[in-house]
Amino acid sequence: MALDTEKIIEDLKGASILELNDLVKAIEDEFGVSAAAPVAAAGAAGAGAEKTEFDVELTDVGQEKVKVIKVVRDITGLGLKDSKDLVDGAPKNVKEGVSEDEANDIKAKLEEVGATVTLK
């Protein structure tokens, strides 16, 4: 008995989502397979990729808290109270999802006024 591939495809096109779901379950049960994508393979593919987005975390304020607040305010565009709250809450992210160049620039500005910064 040869498979009629075109007929099978036509039958599948006419099937409802519920019918297709039942078909997948039946095939999994009959042949002992799973239609789920292998998670380990997807994770391994992304593991070798170079990081392109960084989070800048203010780890420690240092001795010049007022200067750090001014720099945070300049970097983030936050108001004075929000900038102060961010600095007081350290360790806290100042910016998230920025390029490596921007992250290094922010880090340099904050370290210049005595803060400790970590790039993640």
PDB file of N, CA and C in Angstrom:
ATOM      1  N   MET A   1       0.832  -1.168   0.000  1.00  0.00           N
ATOM      2  CA  MET A   1       0.000   0.000   0.000  1.00  0.00           C
ATOM      3  C   MET A   1       0.885   1.243   0.000  1.00  0.00           C
ATOM      4  N   ALA A   2       0.783   2.051  -1.023  1.00  0.00           N
ATOM      5  CA  ALA A   2       1.559   3.281  -1.127  1.00  0.00           C
ATOM      6  C   ALA A   2       0.741   4.439  -0.570  1.00  0.00           C
ATOM      7  N   LEU A   3       1.429   5.367   0.057  1.00  0.00           N
ATOM      8  CA  LEU A   3       0.753   6.548   0.584  1.00  0.00           C
ATOM      9  C   LEU A   3       0.440   7.518  -0.537  1.00  0.00           C
ATOM     10  N   ASP A   4      -0.736   8.066  -0.510  1.00  0.00           N
ATOM     11  CA  ASP A   4      -1.107   9.110  -1.460  1.00  0.00           C
ATOM     12  C   ASP A   4      -0.900  10.458  -0.746  1.00  0.00           C
ATOM     13  N   THR A   5       0.315  10.987  -0.852  1.00  0.00           N
ATOM     14  CA  THR A   5       0.706  12.198  -0.125  1.00  0.00           C
ATOM     15  C   THR A   5      -0.209  13.375  -0.429  1.00  0.00           C
ATOM     16  N   GLU A   6      -0.543  13.558  -1.681  1.00  0.00           N
ATOM     17  CA  GLU A   6      -1.397  14.684  -2.058  1.00  0.00           C
ATOM     18  C   GLU A   6      -2.776  14.572  -1.399  1.00  0.00           C
ATOM     19  N   LYS A   7      -3.316  13.364  -1.359  1.00  0.00           N
ATOM     20  CA  LYS A   7      -4.622  13.174  -0.728  1.00  0.00           C
ATOM     21  C   LYS A   7      -4.545  13.466   0.765  1.00  0.00           C
ATOM     22  N   ILE A   8      -3.478  13.019   1.413  1.00  0.00           N
ATOM     23  CA  ILE A   8      -3.312  13.267   2.849  1.00  0.00           C
ATOM     24  C   ILE A   8      -3.230  14.768   3.118  1.00  0.00           C
ATOM     25  N   ILE A   9      -2.477  15.479   2.300  1.00  0.00           N
ATOM     26  CA  ILE A   9      -2.339  16.934   2.466  1.00  0.00           C
ATOM     27  C   ILE A   9      -3.681  17.619   2.272  1.00  0.00           C
ATOM     28  N   GLU A  10      -4.435  17.206   1.289  1.00  0.00           N
ATOM     29  CA  GLU A  10      -5.762  17.789   1.060  1.00  0.00           C
ATOM     30  C   GLU A  10      -6.690  17.523   2.236  1.00  0.00           C
ATOM     31  N   ASP A  11      -6.618  16.300   2.784  1.00  0.00           N
ATOM     32  CA  ASP A  11      -7.433  15.973   3.958  1.00  0.00           C
ATOM     33  C   ASP A  11      -7.043  16.848   5.150  1.00  0.00           C
ATOM     34  N   LEU A  12      -5.748  17.072   5.327  1.00  0.00           N
ATOM     35  CA  LEU A  12      -5.275  17.910   6.429  1.00  0.00           C
ATOM     36  C   LEU A  12      -5.712  19.361   6.267  1.00  0.00           C
ATOM     37  N   LYS A  13      -5.697  19.848   5.048  1.00  0.00           N
ATOM     38  CA  LYS A  13      -6.127  21.233   4.794  1.00  0.00           C
ATOM     39  C   LYS A  13      -7.592  21.446   5.170  1.00  0.00           C
ATOM     40  N   GLY A  14      -8.385  20.427   5.006  1.00  0.00           N
ATOM     41  CA  GLY A  14      -9.808  20.530   5.292  1.00  0.00           C
ATOM     42  C   GLY A  14     -10.168  20.225   6.739  1.00  0.00           C
ATOM     43  N   ALA A  15      -9.197  19.811   7.537  1.00  0.00           N
ATOM     44  CA  ALA A  15      -9.475  19.428   8.919  1.00  0.00           C
ATOM     45  C   ALA A  15      -9.522  20.652   9.827  1.00  0.00           C
ATOM     46  N   SER A  16     -10.285  20.524  10.898  1.00  0.00           N
ATOM     47  CA  SER A  16     -10.349  21.596  11.899  1.00  0.00           C
ATOM     48  C   SER A  16      -9.139  21.481  12.830  1.00  0.00           C
ATOM     49  N   ILE A  17      -8.907  22.516  13.607  1.00  0.00           N
ATOM     50  CA  ILE A  17      -7.803  22.506  14.564  1.00  0.00           C
ATOM     51  C   ILE A  17      -7.983  21.368  15.577  1.00  0.00           C
ATOM     52  N   LEU A  18      -9.195  21.164  16.012  1.00  0.00           N
ATOM     53  CA  LEU A  18      -9.482  20.105  16.978  1.00  0.00           C
ATOM     54  C   LEU A  18      -9.160  18.730  16.378  1.00  0.00           C
ATOM     55  N   GLU A  19      -9.530  18.541  15.126  1.00  0.00           N
ATOM     56  CA  GLU A  19      -9.244  17.267  14.458  1.00  0.00           C
ATOM     57  C   GLU A  19      -7.739  17.067  14.292  1.00  0.00           C
ATOM     58  N   LEU A  20      -7.024  18.133  13.956  1.00  0.00           N
ATOM     59  CA  LEU A  20      -5.566  18.029  13.802  1.00  0.00           C
ATOM     60  C   LEU A  20      -4.906  17.729  15.137  1.00  0.00           C
ATOM     61  N   ASN A  21      -5.404  18.342  16.198  1.00  0.00           N
ATOM     62  CA  ASN A  21      -4.874  18.093  17.530  1.00  0.00           C
ATOM     63  C   ASN A  21      -5.063  16.619  17.906  1.00  0.00           C
ATOM     64  N   ASP A  22      -6.243  16.089  17.633  1.00  0.00           N
ATOM     65  CA  ASP A  22      -6.516  14.675  17.915  1.00  0.00           C
ATOM     66  C   ASP A  22      -5.602  13.764  17.097  1.00  0.00           C
ATOM     67  N   LEU A  23      -5.353  14.151  15.842  1.00  0.00           N
ATOM     68  CA  LEU A  23      -4.462  13.372  14.977  1.00  0.00           C
ATOM     69  C   LEU A  23      -3.048  13.324  15.551  1.00  0.00           C
ATOM     70  N   VAL A  24      -2.549  14.459  15.981  1.00  0.00           N
ATOM     71  CA  VAL A  24      -1.197  14.521  16.550  1.00  0.00           C
ATOM     72  C   VAL A  24      -1.108  13.630  17.785  1.00  0.00           C
ATOM     73  N   LYS A  25      -2.102  13.710  18.664  1.00  0.00           N
ATOM     74  CA  LYS A  25      -2.103  12.872  19.867  1.00  0.00           C
ATOM     75  C   LYS A  25      -2.127  11.392  19.502  1.00  0.00           C
ATOM     76  N   ALA A  26      -2.930  11.034  18.514  1.00  0.00           N
ATOM     77  CA  ALA A  26      -3.020   9.633  18.095  1.00  0.00           C
ATOM     78  C   ALA A  26      -1.682   9.141  17.539  1.00  0.00           C
ATOM     79  N   ILE A  27      -1.012   9.959  16.753  1.00  0.00           N
ATOM     80  CA  ILE A  27       0.295   9.579  16.193  1.00  0.00           C
ATOM     81  C   ILE A  27       1.322   9.432  17.311  1.00  0.00           C
ATOM     82  N   GLU A  28       1.303  10.363  18.272  1.00  0.00           N
ATOM     83  CA  GLU A  28       2.229  10.270  19.400  1.00  0.00           C
ATOM     84  C   GLU A  28       2.011   8.982  20.178  1.00  0.00           C
ATOM     85  N   ASP A  29       0.752   8.633  20.441  1.00  0.00           N
ATOM     86  CA  ASP A  29       0.437   7.413  21.192  1.00  0.00           C
ATOM     87  C   ASP A  29       0.820   6.155  20.412  1.00  0.00           C
ATOM     88  N   GLU A  30       0.496   6.142  19.132  1.00  0.00           N
ATOM     89  CA  GLU A  30       0.726   4.958  18.303  1.00  0.00           C
ATOM     90  C   GLU A  30       2.210   4.646  18.129  1.00  0.00           C
ATOM     91  N   PHE A  31       3.016   5.696  17.903  1.00  0.00           N
ATOM     92  CA  PHE A  31       4.421   5.475  17.571  1.00  0.00           C
ATOM     93  C   PHE A  31       5.381   5.813  18.709  1.00  0.00           C
ATOM     94  N   GLY A  32       4.856   6.284  19.843  1.00  0.00           N
ATOM     95  CA  GLY A  32       5.713   6.585  20.987  1.00  0.00           C
ATOM     96  C   GLY A  32       6.658   7.749  20.744  1.00  0.00           C
ATOM     97  N   VAL A  33       6.174   8.751  20.028  1.00  0.00           N
ATOM     98  CA  VAL A  33       6.993   9.921  19.719  1.00  0.00           C
ATOM     99  C   VAL A  33       6.317  11.170  20.297  1.00  0.00           C
ATOM    100  N   SER A  34       7.050  12.281  20.215  1.00  0.00           N
ATOM    101  CA  SER A  34       6.497  13.546  20.686  1.00  0.00           C
ATOM    102  C   SER A  34       6.647  14.594  19.594  1.00  0.00           C
ATOM    103  N   ALA A  35       5.608  15.398  19.417  1.00  0.00           N
ATOM    104  CA  ALA A  35       5.649  16.451  18.410  1.00  0.00           C
ATOM    105  C   ALA A  35       6.275  17.731  18.954  1.00  0.00           C
ATOM    106  N   ALA A  36       6.618  17.756  20.247  1.00  0.00           N
ATOM    107  CA  ALA A  36       7.221  18.944  20.863  1.00  0.00           C
ATOM    108  C   ALA A  36       8.633  19.141  20.344  1.00  0.00           C
ATOM    109  N   ALA A  37       9.001  20.401  20.128  1.00  0.00           N
ATOM    110  CA  ALA A  37      10.357  20.719  19.679  1.00  0.00           C
ATOM    111  C   ALA A  37      11.331  20.442  20.813  1.00  0.00           C
ATOM    112  N   PRO A  38      12.481  19.874  20.514  1.00  0.00           N
ATOM    113  CA  PRO A  38      13.465  19.605  21.561  1.00  0.00           C
ATOM    114  C   PRO A  38      13.991  20.910  22.168  1.00  0.00           C
ATOM    115  N   VAL A  39      13.824  21.065  23.453  1.00  0.00           N
ATOM    116  CA  VAL A  39      14.220  22.293  24.135  1.00  0.00           C
ATOM    117  C   VAL A  39      15.737  22.399  24.238  1.00  0.00           C
ATOM    118  N   ALA A  40      16.422  21.325  24.497  1.00  0.00           N
ATOM    119  CA  ALA A  40      17.872  21.356  24.663  1.00  0.00           C
ATOM    120  C   ALA A  40      18.559  21.851  23.405  1.00  0.00           C
ATOM    121  N   ALA A  41      18.081  21.452  22.254  1.00  0.00           N
ATOM    122  CA  ALA A  41      18.698  21.883  20.995  1.00  0.00           C
ATOM    123  C   ALA A  41      18.499  23.376  20.789  1.00  0.00           C
ATOM    124  N   ALA A  42      17.341  23.887  21.151  1.00  0.00           N
ATOM    125  CA  ALA A  42      17.087  25.320  20.998  1.00  0.00           C
ATOM    126  C   ALA A  42      17.962  26.108  21.946  1.00  0.00           C
ATOM    127  N   GLY A  43      18.156  25.627  23.167  1.00  0.00           N
ATOM    128  CA  GLY A  43      18.997  26.324  24.133  1.00  0.00           C
ATOM    129  C   GLY A  43      20.452  26.312  23.719  1.00  0.00           C
ATOM    130  N   ALA A  44      20.915  25.206  23.156  1.00  0.00           N
ATOM    131  CA  ALA A  44      22.308  25.108  22.730  1.00  0.00           C
ATOM    132  C   ALA A  44      22.592  26.033  21.563  1.00  0.00           C
ATOM    133  N   ALA A  45      21.638  26.232  20.694  1.00  0.00           N
ATOM    134  CA  ALA A  45      21.845  27.105  19.545  1.00  0.00           C
ATOM    135  C   ALA A  45      22.021  28.548  19.991  1.00  0.00           C
ATOM    136  N   GLY A  46      21.287  28.965  21.010  1.00  0.00           N
ATOM    137  CA  GLY A  46      21.376  30.341  21.481  1.00  0.00           C
ATOM    138  C   GLY A  46      22.561  30.577  22.401  1.00  0.00           C
ATOM    139  N   ALA A  47      23.161  29.526  22.936  1.00  0.00           N
ATOM    140  CA  ALA A  47      24.241  29.667  23.902  1.00  0.00           C
ATOM    141  C   ALA A  47      25.498  30.267  23.295  1.00  0.00           C
ATOM    142  N   GLY A  48      25.760  30.021  22.034  1.00  0.00           N
ATOM    143  CA  GLY A  48      26.969  30.517  21.414  1.00  0.00           C
ATOM    144  C   GLY A  48      26.836  31.929  20.865  1.00  0.00           C
ATOM    145  N   ALA A  49      25.658  32.486  20.920  1.00  0.00           N
ATOM    146  CA  ALA A  49      25.433  33.815  20.368  1.00  0.00           C
ATOM    147  C   ALA A  49      26.080  34.875  21.243  1.00  0.00           C
ATOM    148  N   GLU A  50      26.629  35.889  20.605  1.00  0.00           N
ATOM    149  CA  GLU A  50      27.272  36.981  21.323  1.00  0.00           C
ATOM    150  C   GLU A  50      26.213  37.898  21.920  1.00  0.00           C
ATOM    151  N   LYS A  51      26.462  38.349  23.124  1.00  0.00           N
ATOM    152  CA  LYS A  51      25.511  39.206  23.817  1.00  0.00           C
ATOM    153  C   LYS A  51      25.523  40.594  23.172  1.00  0.00           C
ATOM    154  N   THR A  52      24.323  41.118  22.860  1.00  0.00           N
ATOM    155  CA  THR A  52      24.233  42.421  22.202  1.00  0.00           C
ATOM    156  C   THR A  52      23.523  43.459  23.053  1.00  0.00           C
ATOM    157  N   GLU A  53      22.824  43.018  24.099  1.00  0.00           N
ATOM    158  CA  GLU A  53      22.122  43.952  24.972  1.00  0.00           C
ATOM    159  C   GLU A  53      22.600  43.770  26.403  1.00  0.00           C
ATOM    160  N   PHE A  54      22.804  44.891  27.080  1.00  0.00           N
ATOM    161  CA  PHE A  54      23.339  44.862  28.425  1.00  0.00           C
ATOM    162  C   PHE A  54      22.451  45.659  29.372  1.00  0.00           C
ATOM    163  N   ASP A  55      22.476  45.249  30.640  1.00  0.00           N
ATOM    164  CA  ASP A  55      21.824  45.999  31.702  1.00  0.00           C
ATOM    165  C   ASP A  55      22.926  46.655  32.528  1.00  0.00           C
ATOM    166  N   VAL A  56      22.741  47.927  32.866  1.00  0.00           N
ATOM    167  CA  VAL A  56      23.711  48.658  33.663  1.00  0.00           C
ATOM    168  C   VAL A  56      23.166  48.740  35.086  1.00  0.00           C
ATOM    169  N   GLU A  57      23.855  48.082  36.019  1.00  0.00           N
ATOM    170  CA  GLU A  57      23.401  48.054  37.407  1.00  0.00           C
ATOM    171  C   GLU A  57      24.288  48.933  38.269  1.00  0.00           C
ATOM    172  N   LEU A  58      23.653  49.839  38.984  1.00  0.00           N
ATOM    173  CA  LEU A  58      24.346  50.642  39.987  1.00  0.00           C
ATOM    174  C   LEU A  58      24.479  49.749  41.208  1.00  0.00           C
ATOM    175  N   THR A  59      25.702  49.281  41.471  1.00  0.00           N
ATOM    176  CA  THR A  59      25.940  48.320  42.540  1.00  0.00           C
ATOM    177  C   THR A  59      26.145  49.019  43.882  1.00  0.00           C
ATOM    178  N   ASP A  60      26.947  50.104  43.862  1.00  0.00           N
ATOM    179  CA  ASP A  60      27.229  50.845  45.091  1.00  0.00           C
ATOM    180  C   ASP A  60      27.356  52.324  44.752  1.00  0.00           C
ATOM    181  N   VAL A  61      26.820  53.177  45.608  1.00  0.00           N
ATOM    182  CA  VAL A  61      26.791  54.610  45.347  1.00  0.00           C
ATOM    183  C   VAL A  61      28.139  55.270  45.582  1.00  0.00           C
ATOM    184  N   GLY A  62      28.869  54.833  46.575  1.00  0.00           N
ATOM    185  CA  GLY A  62      30.143  55.452  46.901  1.00  0.00           C
ATOM    186  C   GLY A  62      29.941  56.665  47.807  1.00  0.00           C
ATOM    187  N   GLN A  63      30.932  57.560  47.860  1.00  0.00           N
ATOM    188  CA  GLN A  63      30.929  58.701  48.772  1.00  0.00           C
ATOM    189  C   GLN A  63      30.191  59.922  48.232  1.00  0.00           C
ATOM    190  N   GLU A  64      30.038  60.038  46.925  1.00  0.00           N
ATOM    191  CA  GLU A  64      29.457  61.224  46.289  1.00  0.00           C
ATOM    192  C   GLU A  64      28.021  60.974  45.816  1.00  0.00           C
ATOM    193  N   LYS A  65      27.132  60.741  46.763  1.00  0.00           N
ATOM    194  CA  LYS A  65      25.756  60.373  46.444  1.00  0.00           C
ATOM    195  C   LYS A  65      25.058  61.438  45.589  1.00  0.00           C
ATOM    196  N   VAL A  66      25.249  62.706  45.917  1.00  0.00           N
ATOM    197  CA  VAL A  66      24.588  63.788  45.181  1.00  0.00           C
ATOM    198  C   VAL A  66      25.050  63.806  43.725  1.00  0.00           C
ATOM    199  N   LYS A  67      26.343  63.611  43.497  1.00  0.00           N
ATOM    200  CA  LYS A  67      26.875  63.583  42.134  1.00  0.00           C
ATOM    201  C   LYS A  67      26.325  62.376  41.365  1.00  0.00           C
ATOM    202  N   VAL A  68      26.206  61.244  42.041  1.00  0.00           N
ATOM    203  CA  VAL A  68      25.669  60.043  41.404  1.00  0.00           C
ATOM    204  C   VAL A  68      24.214  60.284  41.014  1.00  0.00           C
ATOM    205  N   ILE A  69      23.444  60.922  41.896  1.00  0.00           N
ATOM    206  CA  ILE A  69      22.043  61.229  41.584  1.00  0.00           C
ATOM    207  C   ILE A  69      21.962  62.114  40.347  1.00  0.00           C
ATOM    208  N   LYS A  70      22.833  63.106  40.248  1.00  0.00           N
ATOM    209  CA  LYS A  70      22.833  63.999  39.074  1.00  0.00           C
ATOM    210  C   LYS A  70      23.148  63.230  37.796  1.00  0.00           C
ATOM    211  N   VAL A  71      24.127  62.335  37.865  1.00  0.00           N
ATOM    212  CA  VAL A  71      24.493  61.551  36.682  1.00  0.00           C
ATOM    213  C   VAL A  71      23.350  60.608  36.304  1.00  0.00           C
ATOM    214  N   VAL A  72      22.735  59.951  37.279  1.00  0.00           N
ATOM    215  CA  VAL A  72      21.606  59.050  37.017  1.00  0.00           C
ATOM    216  C   VAL A  72      20.467  59.833  36.378  1.00  0.00           C
ATOM    217  N   ARG A  73      20.219  61.022  36.895  1.00  0.00           N
ATOM    218  CA  ARG A  73      19.150  61.873  36.346  1.00  0.00           C
ATOM    219  C   ARG A  73      19.437  62.226  34.886  1.00  0.00           C
ATOM    220  N   ASP A  74      20.694  62.537  34.607  1.00  0.00           N
ATOM    221  CA  ASP A  74      21.094  62.883  33.239  1.00  0.00           C
ATOM    222  C   ASP A  74      20.968  61.678  32.300  1.00  0.00           C
ATOM    223  N   ILE A  75      21.378  60.515  32.772  1.00  0.00           N
ATOM    224  CA  ILE A  75      21.368  59.301  31.951  1.00  0.00           C
ATOM    225  C   ILE A  75      19.941  58.830  31.664  1.00  0.00           C
ATOM    226  N   THR A  76      19.102  58.831  32.686  1.00  0.00           N
ATOM    227  CA  THR A  76      17.775  58.235  32.565  1.00  0.00           C
ATOM    228  C   THR A  76      16.689  59.208  32.155  1.00  0.00           C
ATOM    229  N   GLY A  77      16.895  60.491  32.431  1.00  0.00           N
ATOM    230  CA  GLY A  77      15.854  61.472  32.156  1.00  0.00           C
ATOM    231  C   GLY A  77      14.776  61.490  33.238  1.00  0.00           C
ATOM    232  N   LEU A  78      15.038  60.794  34.345  1.00  0.00           N
ATOM    233  CA  LEU A  78      14.088  60.772  35.451  1.00  0.00           C
ATOM    234  C   LEU A  78      14.120  62.098  36.196  1.00  0.00           C
ATOM    235  N   GLY A  79      13.099  62.336  36.958  1.00  0.00           N
ATOM    236  CA  GLY A  79      13.075  63.515  37.813  1.00  0.00           C
ATOM    237  C   GLY A  79      14.004  63.332  38.995  1.00  0.00           C
ATOM    238  N   LEU A  80      14.163  64.393  39.777  1.00  0.00           N
ATOM    239  CA  LEU A  80      15.081  64.368  40.906  1.00  0.00           C
ATOM    240  C   LEU A  80      14.681  63.310  41.939  1.00  0.00           C
ATOM    241  N   LYS A  81      13.401  63.251  42.300  1.00  0.00           N
ATOM    242  CA  LYS A  81      12.941  62.289  43.310  1.00  0.00           C
ATOM    243  C   LYS A  81      13.125  60.856  42.826  1.00  0.00           C
ATOM    244  N   ASP A  82      12.756  60.585  41.576  1.00  0.00           N
ATOM    245  CA  ASP A  82      12.900  59.228  41.035  1.00  0.00           C
ATOM    246  C   ASP A  82      14.371  58.825  40.935  1.00  0.00           C
ATOM    247  N   SER A  83      15.220  59.763  40.555  1.00  0.00           N
ATOM    248  CA  SER A  83      16.656  59.479  40.476  1.00  0.00           C
ATOM    249  C   SER A  83      17.215  59.175  41.857  1.00  0.00           C
ATOM    250  N   LYS A  84      16.797  59.964  42.849  1.00  0.00           N
ATOM    251  CA  LYS A  84      17.244  59.740  44.231  1.00  0.00           C
ATOM    252  C   LYS A  84      16.759  58.375  44.719  1.00  0.00           C
ATOM    253  N   ASP A  85      15.516  58.029  44.444  1.00  0.00           N
ATOM    254  CA  ASP A  85      14.969  56.727  44.849  1.00  0.00           C
ATOM    255  C   ASP A  85      15.750  55.579  44.213  1.00  0.00           C
ATOM    256  N   LEU A  86      16.113  55.741  42.946  1.00  0.00           N
ATOM    257  CA  LEU A  86      16.888  54.712  42.254  1.00  0.00           C
ATOM    258  C   LEU A  86      18.247  54.545  42.930  1.00  0.00           C
ATOM    259  N   VAL A  87      18.920  55.657  43.209  1.00  0.00           N
ATOM    260  CA  VAL A  87      20.243  55.612  43.841  1.00  0.00           C
ATOM    261  C   VAL A  87      20.134  55.033  45.256  1.00  0.00           C
ATOM    262  N   ASP A  88      19.132  55.442  46.001  1.00  0.00           N
ATOM    263  CA  ASP A  88      18.947  54.931  47.363  1.00  0.00           C
ATOM    264  C   ASP A  88      18.644  53.435  47.364  1.00  0.00           C
ATOM    265  N   GLY A  89      18.060  52.925  46.291  1.00  0.00           N
ATOM    266  CA  GLY A  89      17.699  51.518  46.199  1.00  0.00           C
ATOM    267  C   GLY A  89      18.798  50.620  45.679  1.00  0.00           C
ATOM    268  N   ALA A  90      20.006  51.152  45.496  1.00  0.00           N
ATOM    269  CA  ALA A  90      21.106  50.360  44.943  1.00  0.00           C
ATOM    270  C   ALA A  90      21.337  49.111  45.784  1.00  0.00           C
ATOM    271  N   PRO A  91      21.630  47.973  45.175  1.00  0.00           N
ATOM    272  CA  PRO A  91      21.874  47.757  43.746  1.00  0.00           C
ATOM    273  C   PRO A  91      20.577  47.735  42.940  1.00  0.00           C
ATOM    274  N   LYS A  92      20.605  48.476  41.851  1.00  0.00           N
ATOM    275  CA  LYS A  92      19.433  48.614  41.000  1.00  0.00           C
ATOM    276  C   LYS A  92      19.896  48.928  39.573  1.00  0.00           C
ATOM    277  N   ASN A  93      19.109  48.465  38.586  1.00  0.00           N
ATOM    278  CA  ASN A  93      19.442  48.748  37.196  1.00  0.00           C
ATOM    279  C   ASN A  93      19.143  50.203  36.870  1.00  0.00           C
ATOM    280  N   VAL A  94      20.130  50.862  36.250  1.00  0.00           N
ATOM    281  CA  VAL A  94      19.953  52.238  35.803  1.00  0.00           C
ATOM    282  C   VAL A  94      19.316  52.232  34.423  1.00  0.00           C
ATOM    283  N   LYS A  95      19.824  51.356  33.551  1.00  0.00           N
ATOM    284  CA  LYS A  95      19.275  51.192  32.202  1.00  0.00           C
ATOM    285  C   LYS A  95      19.337  49.729  31.837  1.00  0.00           C
ATOM    286  N   GLU A  96      18.364  49.297  31.027  1.00  0.00           N
ATOM    287  CA  GLU A  96      18.298  47.899  30.605  1.00  0.00           C
ATOM    288  C   GLU A  96      18.225  47.803  29.094  1.00  0.00           C
ATOM    289  N   GLY A  97      18.829  46.758  28.559  1.00  0.00           N
ATOM    290  CA  GLY A  97      18.732  46.479  27.129  1.00  0.00           C
ATOM    291  C   GLY A  97      19.443  47.488  26.243  1.00  0.00           C
ATOM    292  N   VAL A  98      20.600  47.990  26.697  1.00  0.00           N
ATOM    293  CA  VAL A  98      21.343  48.970  25.900  1.00  0.00           C
ATOM    294  C   VAL A  98      22.514  48.296  25.197  1.00  0.00           C
ATOM    295  N   SER A  99      23.040  48.958  24.180  1.00  0.00           N
ATOM    296  CA  SER A  99      24.178  48.419  23.439  1.00  0.00           C
ATOM    297  C   SER A  99      25.421  48.409  24.327  1.00  0.00           C
ATOM    298  N   GLU A 100      26.414  47.662  23.915  1.00  0.00           N
ATOM    299  CA  GLU A 100      27.648  47.567  24.696  1.00  0.00           C
ATOM    300  C   GLU A 100      28.321  48.927  24.818  1.00  0.00           C
ATOM    301  N   ASP A 101      28.354  49.691  23.735  1.00  0.00           N
ATOM    302  CA  ASP A 101      28.981  51.014  23.769  1.00  0.00           C
ATOM    303  C   ASP A 101      28.269  51.942  24.741  1.00  0.00           C
ATOM    304  N   GLU A 102      26.936  51.961  24.679  1.00  0.00           N
ATOM    305  CA  GLU A 102      26.170  52.817  25.585  1.00  0.00           C
ATOM    306  C   GLU A 102      26.348  52.364  27.030  1.00  0.00           C
ATOM    307  N   ALA A 103      26.378  51.062  27.258  1.00  0.00           N
ATOM    308  CA  ALA A 103      26.563  50.530  28.615  1.00  0.00           C
ATOM    309  C   ALA A 103      27.922  50.943  29.173  1.00  0.00           C
ATOM    310  N   ASN A 104      28.966  50.844  28.356  1.00  0.00           N
ATOM    311  CA  ASN A 104      30.302  51.244  28.802  1.00  0.00           C
ATOM    312  C   ASN A 104      30.376  52.745  29.056  1.00  0.00           C
ATOM    313  N   ASP A 105      29.680  53.537  28.245  1.00  0.00           N
ATOM    314  CA  ASP A 105      29.648  54.987  28.427  1.00  0.00           C
ATOM    315  C   ASP A 105      28.966  55.350  29.752  1.00  0.00           C
ATOM    316  N   ILE A 106      27.828  54.714  30.024  1.00  0.00           N
ATOM    317  CA  ILE A 106      27.106  54.946  31.276  1.00  0.00           C
ATOM    318  C   ILE A 106      27.973  54.521  32.468  1.00  0.00           C
ATOM    319  N   LYS A 107      28.624  53.375  32.337  1.00  0.00           N
ATOM    320  CA  LYS A 107      29.484  52.876  33.405  1.00  0.00           C
ATOM    321  C   LYS A 107      30.600  53.881  33.700  1.00  0.00           C
ATOM    322  N   ALA A 108      31.226  54.401  32.657  1.00  0.00           N
ATOM    323  CA  ALA A 108      32.316  55.362  32.831  1.00  0.00           C
ATOM    324  C   ALA A 108      31.830  56.635  33.535  1.00  0.00           C
ATOM    325  N   LYS A 109      30.654  57.132  33.152  1.00  0.00           N
ATOM    326  CA  LYS A 109      30.114  58.347  33.773  1.00  0.00           C
ATOM    327  C   LYS A 109      29.850  58.139  35.265  1.00  0.00           C
ATOM    328  N   LEU A 110      29.293  56.994  35.604  1.00  0.00           N
ATOM    329  CA  LEU A 110      28.981  56.731  37.004  1.00  0.00           C
ATOM    330  C   LEU A 110      30.244  56.458  37.829  1.00  0.00           C
ATOM    331  N   GLU A 111      31.187  55.752  37.250  1.00  0.00           N
ATOM    332  CA  GLU A 111      32.435  55.477  37.981  1.00  0.00           C
ATOM    333  C   GLU A 111      33.253  56.742  38.178  1.00  0.00           C
ATOM    334  N   GLU A 112      33.108  57.688  37.266  1.00  0.00           N
ATOM    335  CA  GLU A 112      33.806  58.977  37.361  1.00  0.00           C
ATOM    336  C   GLU A 112      33.419  59.726  38.633  1.00  0.00           C
ATOM    337  N   VAL A 113      32.189  59.540  39.105  1.00  0.00           N
ATOM    338  CA  VAL A 113      31.729  60.226  40.323  1.00  0.00           C
ATOM    339  C   VAL A 113      31.775  59.304  41.538  1.00  0.00           C
ATOM    340  N   GLY A 114      32.440  58.162  41.420  1.00  0.00           N
ATOM    341  CA  GLY A 114      32.693  57.303  42.569  1.00  0.00           C
ATOM    342  C   GLY A 114      31.751  56.121  42.753  1.00  0.00           C
ATOM    343  N   ALA A 115      30.826  55.913  41.860  1.00  0.00           N
ATOM    344  CA  ALA A 115      29.895  54.792  41.986  1.00  0.00           C
ATOM    345  C   ALA A 115      30.528  53.505  41.476  1.00  0.00           C
ATOM    346  N   THR A 116      30.004  52.384  41.942  1.00  0.00           N
ATOM    347  CA  THR A 116      30.417  51.079  41.439  1.00  0.00           C
ATOM    348  C   THR A 116      29.303  50.557  40.541  1.00  0.00           C
ATOM    349  N   VAL A 117      29.681  50.113  39.333  1.00  0.00           N
ATOM    350  CA  VAL A 117      28.702  49.704  38.334  1.00  0.00           C
ATOM    351  C   VAL A 117      29.033  48.315  37.822  1.00  0.00           C
ATOM    352  N   THR A 118      28.005  47.518  37.563  1.00  0.00           N
ATOM    353  CA  THR A 118      28.179  46.186  36.990  1.00  0.00           C
ATOM    354  C   THR A 118      27.366  46.103  35.698  1.00  0.00           C
ATOM    355  N   LEU A 119      27.982  45.552  34.668  1.00  0.00           N
ATOM    356  CA  LEU A 119      27.271  45.323  33.407  1.00  0.00           C
ATOM    357  C   LEU A 119      26.814  43.872  33.381  1.00  0.00           C
ATOM    358  N   LYS A 120      25.560  43.672  33.058  1.00  0.00           N
ATOM    359  CA  LYS A 120      25.002  42.313  33.014  1.00  0.00           C
ATOM    360  C   LYS A 120      24.496  42.022  31.626  1.00  0.00           C
TER     361      LYS A 120
END
